[in-house]
Every structure is written in structure tokens, then in C-alpha cells.
Amino acid sequence: MPQLIPTPWFYILVFSWMVFTAILPTKVMAHKFNNEPNPQTTEKPLPLPWNWSWH
């Protein structure tokens, strides 16, 4: 049975895992998102008083 001969398939498996563990993570981690979150302050802005012209 040719499926039981591991010679070519083992090398394909090892090479594919080398690609997955060495090349792809560096490409994924180098990706830059367009919408980076901006750091916000913890201070709440004070509300502006209303100018009631009839009071």
C-alpha cells in the first residue's frame, strides 16, 4: 500500500510545519491595523453650562 510509505509525506509534513511556525507568524505579527485605538484620558470633560437667554 503506497499510503504506508512515509518517505515523501513525512518531508512534506515537516516542511509545511516549518513554514507555519517560522514564516507565517512573522508576517501576521508585522500586520498593521488601520484603526489603531487612541489612548484616552481618565478625566471626564466638564459639561458646559447652558445659556438660557430667557432666564
PDB file of N, CA and C in Angstrom:
ATOM      1  N   MET A   1       0.834  -1.186   0.000  1.00  0.00           N
ATOM      2  CA  MET A   1       0.000   0.000   0.000  1.00  0.00           C
ATOM      3  C   MET A   1       0.885   1.257   0.000  1.00  0.00           C
ATOM      4  N   PRO A   2       0.695   2.152  -0.927  1.00  0.00           N
ATOM      5  CA  PRO A   2       1.553   3.330  -1.002  1.00  0.00           C
ATOM      6  C   PRO A   2       1.289   4.337   0.119  1.00  0.00           C
ATOM      7  N   GLN A   3       0.126   4.271   0.758  1.00  0.00           N
ATOM      8  CA  GLN A   3      -0.149   5.217   1.832  1.00  0.00           C
ATOM      9  C   GLN A   3       0.722   4.962   3.060  1.00  0.00           C
ATOM     10  N   LEU A   4       1.226   3.757   3.207  1.00  0.00           N
ATOM     11  CA  LEU A   4       2.006   3.411   4.388  1.00  0.00           C
ATOM     12  C   LEU A   4       3.487   3.749   4.226  1.00  0.00           C
ATOM     13  N   ILE A   5       3.899   4.188   3.057  1.00  0.00           N
ATOM     14  CA  ILE A   5       5.291   4.572   2.847  1.00  0.00           C
ATOM     15  C   ILE A   5       5.417   6.044   3.265  1.00  0.00           C
ATOM     16  N   PRO A   6       6.080   6.327   4.374  1.00  0.00           N
ATOM     17  CA  PRO A   6       6.095   7.706   4.878  1.00  0.00           C
ATOM     18  C   PRO A   6       7.168   8.592   4.259  1.00  0.00           C
ATOM     19  N   THR A   7       7.940   8.082   3.331  1.00  0.00           N
ATOM     20  CA  THR A   7       9.085   8.837   2.833  1.00  0.00           C
ATOM     21  C   THR A   7       8.711  10.199   2.252  1.00  0.00           C
ATOM     22  N   PRO A   8       7.859  10.319   1.232  1.00  0.00           N
ATOM     23  CA  PRO A   8       7.605  11.672   0.731  1.00  0.00           C
ATOM     24  C   PRO A   8       6.694  12.485   1.643  1.00  0.00           C
ATOM     25  N   TRP A   9       5.767  11.826   2.317  1.00  0.00           N
ATOM     26  CA  TRP A   9       4.768  12.537   3.102  1.00  0.00           C
ATOM     27  C   TRP A   9       5.349  13.125   4.376  1.00  0.00           C
ATOM     28  N   PHE A  10       6.318  12.448   4.936  1.00  0.00           N
ATOM     29  CA  PHE A  10       6.941  12.983   6.147  1.00  0.00           C
ATOM     30  C   PHE A  10       7.676  14.286   5.855  1.00  0.00           C
ATOM     31  N   TYR A  11       8.389  14.347   4.749  1.00  0.00           N
ATOM     32  CA  TYR A  11       9.109  15.570   4.386  1.00  0.00           C
ATOM     33  C   TYR A  11       8.146  16.707   4.051  1.00  0.00           C
ATOM     34  N   ILE A  12       7.052  16.382   3.424  1.00  0.00           N
ATOM     35  CA  ILE A  12       6.030  17.401   3.149  1.00  0.00           C
ATOM     36  C   ILE A  12       5.440  17.924   4.451  1.00  0.00           C
ATOM     37  N   LEU A  13       5.180  17.033   5.387  1.00  0.00           N
ATOM     38  CA  LEU A  13       4.644  17.437   6.684  1.00  0.00           C
ATOM     39  C   LEU A  13       5.634  18.321   7.439  1.00  0.00           C
ATOM     40  N   VAL A  14       6.889  17.924   7.469  1.00  0.00           N
ATOM     41  CA  VAL A  14       7.902  18.696   8.187  1.00  0.00           C
ATOM     42  C   VAL A  14       8.094  20.059   7.529  1.00  0.00           C
ATOM     43  N   PHE A  15       8.163  20.104   6.230  1.00  0.00           N
ATOM     44  CA  PHE A  15       8.348  21.383   5.537  1.00  0.00           C
ATOM     45  C   PHE A  15       7.152  22.307   5.741  1.00  0.00           C
ATOM     46  N   SER A  16       5.944  21.777   5.683  1.00  0.00           N
ATOM     47  CA  SER A  16       4.765  22.620   5.875  1.00  0.00           C
ATOM     48  C   SER A  16       4.714  23.170   7.301  1.00  0.00           C
ATOM     49  N   TRP A  17       5.099  22.371   8.309  1.00  0.00           N
ATOM     50  CA  TRP A  17       5.109  22.880   9.674  1.00  0.00           C
ATOM     51  C   TRP A  17       6.231  23.884   9.882  1.00  0.00           C
ATOM     52  N   MET A  18       7.321  23.743   9.195  1.00  0.00           N
ATOM     53  CA  MET A  18       8.375  24.751   9.273  1.00  0.00           C
ATOM     54  C   MET A  18       7.877  26.077   8.714  1.00  0.00           C
ATOM     55  N   VAL A  19       7.120  26.023   7.641  1.00  0.00           N
ATOM     56  CA  VAL A  19       6.545  27.241   7.072  1.00  0.00           C
ATOM     57  C   VAL A  19       5.558  27.859   8.052  1.00  0.00           C
ATOM     58  N   PHE A  20       4.695  27.025   8.627  1.00  0.00           N
ATOM     59  CA  PHE A  20       3.688  27.545   9.554  1.00  0.00           C
ATOM     60  C   PHE A  20       4.301  28.152  10.808  1.00  0.00           C
ATOM     61  N   THR A  21       5.386  27.572  11.308  1.00  0.00           N
ATOM     62  CA  THR A  21       5.938  28.050  12.580  1.00  0.00           C
ATOM     63  C   THR A  21       7.038  29.080  12.423  1.00  0.00           C
ATOM     64  N   ALA A  22       7.617  29.231  11.242  1.00  0.00           N
ATOM     65  CA  ALA A  22       8.729  30.160  11.086  1.00  0.00           C
ATOM     66  C   ALA A  22       8.366  31.377  10.240  1.00  0.00           C
ATOM     67  N   ILE A  23       7.652  31.201   9.180  1.00  0.00           N
ATOM     68  CA  ILE A  23       7.418  32.299   8.242  1.00  0.00           C
ATOM     69  C   ILE A  23       6.104  33.012   8.512  1.00  0.00           C
ATOM     70  N   LEU A  24       5.045  32.271   8.696  1.00  0.00           N
ATOM     71  CA  LEU A  24       3.736  32.902   8.836  1.00  0.00           C
ATOM     72  C   LEU A  24       3.566  33.755  10.092  1.00  0.00           C
ATOM     73  N   PRO A  25       4.052  33.358  11.263  1.00  0.00           N
ATOM     74  CA  PRO A  25       3.857  34.241  12.426  1.00  0.00           C
ATOM     75  C   PRO A  25       4.525  35.604  12.272  1.00  0.00           C
ATOM     76  N   THR A  26       5.681  35.657  11.617  1.00  0.00           N
ATOM     77  CA  THR A  26       6.325  36.961  11.431  1.00  0.00           C
ATOM     78  C   THR A  26       5.516  37.845  10.495  1.00  0.00           C
ATOM     79  N   LYS A  27       4.894  37.258   9.499  1.00  0.00           N
ATOM     80  CA  LYS A  27       4.073  38.048   8.589  1.00  0.00           C
ATOM     81  C   LYS A  27       2.785  38.510   9.271  1.00  0.00           C
ATOM     82  N   VAL A  28       2.213  37.672  10.106  1.00  0.00           N
ATOM     83  CA  VAL A  28       0.985  38.054  10.794  1.00  0.00           C
ATOM     84  C   VAL A  28       1.267  39.131  11.835  1.00  0.00           C
ATOM     85  N   MET A  29       2.355  38.998  12.575  1.00  0.00           N
ATOM     86  CA  MET A  29       2.664  39.975  13.613  1.00  0.00           C
ATOM     87  C   MET A  29       3.123  41.311  13.030  1.00  0.00           C
ATOM     88  N   ALA A  30       3.585  41.332  11.789  1.00  0.00           N
ATOM     89  CA  ALA A  30       4.008  42.579  11.161  1.00  0.00           C
ATOM     90  C   ALA A  30       2.829  43.355  10.584  1.00  0.00           C
ATOM     91  N   HIS A  31       1.642  42.765  10.618  1.00  0.00           N
ATOM     92  CA  HIS A  31       0.462  43.421  10.064  1.00  0.00           C
ATOM     93  C   HIS A  31       0.087  44.626  10.913  1.00  0.00           C
ATOM     94  N   LYS A  32      -0.198  45.730  10.269  1.00  0.00           N
ATOM     95  CA  LYS A  32      -0.612  46.949  10.952  1.00  0.00           C
ATOM     96  C   LYS A  32      -2.096  47.173  10.700  1.00  0.00           C
ATOM     97  N   PHE A  33      -2.817  47.454  11.755  1.00  0.00           N
ATOM     98  CA  PHE A  33      -4.232  47.742  11.617  1.00  0.00           C
ATOM     99  C   PHE A  33      -4.424  49.203  11.258  1.00  0.00           C
ATOM    100  N   ASN A  34      -5.415  49.488  10.471  1.00  0.00           N
ATOM    101  CA  ASN A  34      -5.689  50.864  10.070  1.00  0.00           C
ATOM    102  C   ASN A  34      -6.270  51.680  11.213  1.00  0.00           C
ATOM    103  N   ASN A  35      -7.073  51.062  12.036  1.00  0.00           N
ATOM    104  CA  ASN A  35      -7.762  51.786  13.109  1.00  0.00           C
ATOM    105  C   ASN A  35      -7.134  51.451  14.448  1.00  0.00           C
ATOM    106  N   GLU A  36      -5.972  52.039  14.704  1.00  0.00           N
ATOM    107  CA  GLU A  36      -5.329  51.838  15.996  1.00  0.00           C
ATOM    108  C   GLU A  36      -6.118  52.603  17.055  1.00  0.00           C
ATOM    109  N   PRO A  37      -6.382  51.993  18.197  1.00  0.00           N
ATOM    110  CA  PRO A  37      -7.110  52.723  19.239  1.00  0.00           C
ATOM    111  C   PRO A  37      -6.232  53.811  19.845  1.00  0.00           C
ATOM    112  N   ASN A  38      -6.826  54.959  20.080  1.00  0.00           N
ATOM    113  CA  ASN A  38      -6.103  56.075  20.688  1.00  0.00           C
ATOM    114  C   ASN A  38      -6.217  55.982  22.201  1.00  0.00           C
ATOM    115  N   PRO A  39      -5.129  56.217  22.908  1.00  0.00           N
ATOM    116  CA  PRO A  39      -5.249  56.223  24.375  1.00  0.00           C
ATOM    117  C   PRO A  39      -6.054  57.430  24.833  1.00  0.00           C
ATOM    118  N   GLN A  40      -6.980  57.183  25.710  1.00  0.00           N
ATOM    119  CA  GLN A  40      -7.837  58.260  26.188  1.00  0.00           C
ATOM    120  C   GLN A  40      -7.523  58.549  27.650  1.00  0.00           C
ATOM    121  N   THR A  41      -7.766  59.769  28.043  1.00  0.00           N
ATOM    122  CA  THR A  41      -7.522  60.136  29.428  1.00  0.00           C
ATOM    123  C   THR A  41      -8.669  59.636  30.286  1.00  0.00           C
ATOM    124  N   THR A  42      -8.390  59.509  31.583  1.00  0.00           N
ATOM    125  CA  THR A  42      -9.427  59.052  32.503  1.00  0.00           C
ATOM    126  C   THR A  42     -10.263  60.211  33.025  1.00  0.00           C
ATOM    127  N   GLU A  43      -9.843  61.450  32.737  1.00  0.00           N
ATOM    128  CA  GLU A  43     -10.606  62.609  33.193  1.00  0.00           C
ATOM    129  C   GLU A  43     -11.837  62.806  32.316  1.00  0.00           C
ATOM    130  N   LYS A  44     -12.953  63.042  32.985  1.00  0.00           N
ATOM    131  CA  LYS A  44     -14.178  63.322  32.246  1.00  0.00           C
ATOM    132  C   LYS A  44     -14.231  64.815  31.939  1.00  0.00           C
ATOM    133  N   PRO A  45     -14.634  65.179  30.748  1.00  0.00           N
ATOM    134  CA  PRO A  45     -14.749  66.619  30.462  1.00  0.00           C
ATOM    135  C   PRO A  45     -15.922  67.229  31.235  1.00  0.00           C
ATOM    136  N   LEU A  46     -15.714  68.444  31.697  1.00  0.00           N
ATOM    137  CA  LEU A  46     -16.778  69.133  32.418  1.00  0.00           C
ATOM    138  C   LEU A  46     -17.855  69.575  31.438  1.00  0.00           C
ATOM    139  N   PRO A  47     -19.115  69.393  31.816  1.00  0.00           N
ATOM    140  CA  PRO A  47     -20.184  69.832  30.909  1.00  0.00           C
ATOM    141  C   PRO A  47     -20.256  71.357  30.860  1.00  0.00           C
ATOM    142  N   LEU A  48     -20.536  71.871  29.709  1.00  0.00           N
ATOM    143  CA  LEU A  48     -20.663  73.315  29.540  1.00  0.00           C
ATOM    144  C   LEU A  48     -22.024  73.770  30.051  1.00  0.00           C
ATOM    145  N   PRO A  49     -22.066  74.911  30.759  1.00  0.00           N
ATOM    146  CA  PRO A  49     -23.367  75.397  31.244  1.00  0.00           C
ATOM    147  C   PRO A  49     -24.222  75.901  30.087  1.00  0.00           C
ATOM    148  N   TRP A  50     -25.517  75.716  30.254  1.00  0.00           N
ATOM    149  CA  TRP A  50     -26.418  76.181  29.211  1.00  0.00           C
ATOM    150  C   TRP A  50     -26.646  77.682  29.372  1.00  0.00           C
ATOM    151  N   ASN A  51     -26.720  78.350  28.276  1.00  0.00           N
ATOM    152  CA  ASN A  51     -27.011  79.775  28.284  1.00  0.00           C
ATOM    153  C   ASN A  51     -28.489  79.963  27.969  1.00  0.00           C
ATOM    154  N   TRP A  52     -29.269  80.105  29.072  1.00  0.00           N
ATOM    155  CA  TRP A  52     -30.699  80.319  28.875  1.00  0.00           C
ATOM    156  C   TRP A  52     -30.934  81.811  28.699  1.00  0.00           C
ATOM    157  N   SER A  53     -31.272  82.207  27.512  1.00  0.00           N
ATOM    158  CA  SER A  53     -31.455  83.632  27.232  1.00  0.00           C
ATOM    159  C   SER A  53     -32.726  84.198  27.879  1.00  0.00           C
ATOM    160  N   TRP A  54     -33.699  83.398  28.206  1.00  0.00           N
ATOM    161  CA  TRP A  54     -34.956  83.920  28.774  1.00  0.00           C
ATOM    162  C   TRP A  54     -34.954  83.870  30.285  1.00  0.00           C
ATOM    163  N   HIS A  55     -33.856  83.474  30.905  1.00  0.00           N
ATOM    164  CA  HIS A  55     -33.788  83.456  32.359  1.00  0.00           C
ATOM    165  C   HIS A  55     -32.940  84.562  32.853  1.00  0.00           C
TER     166      HIS A  55
END
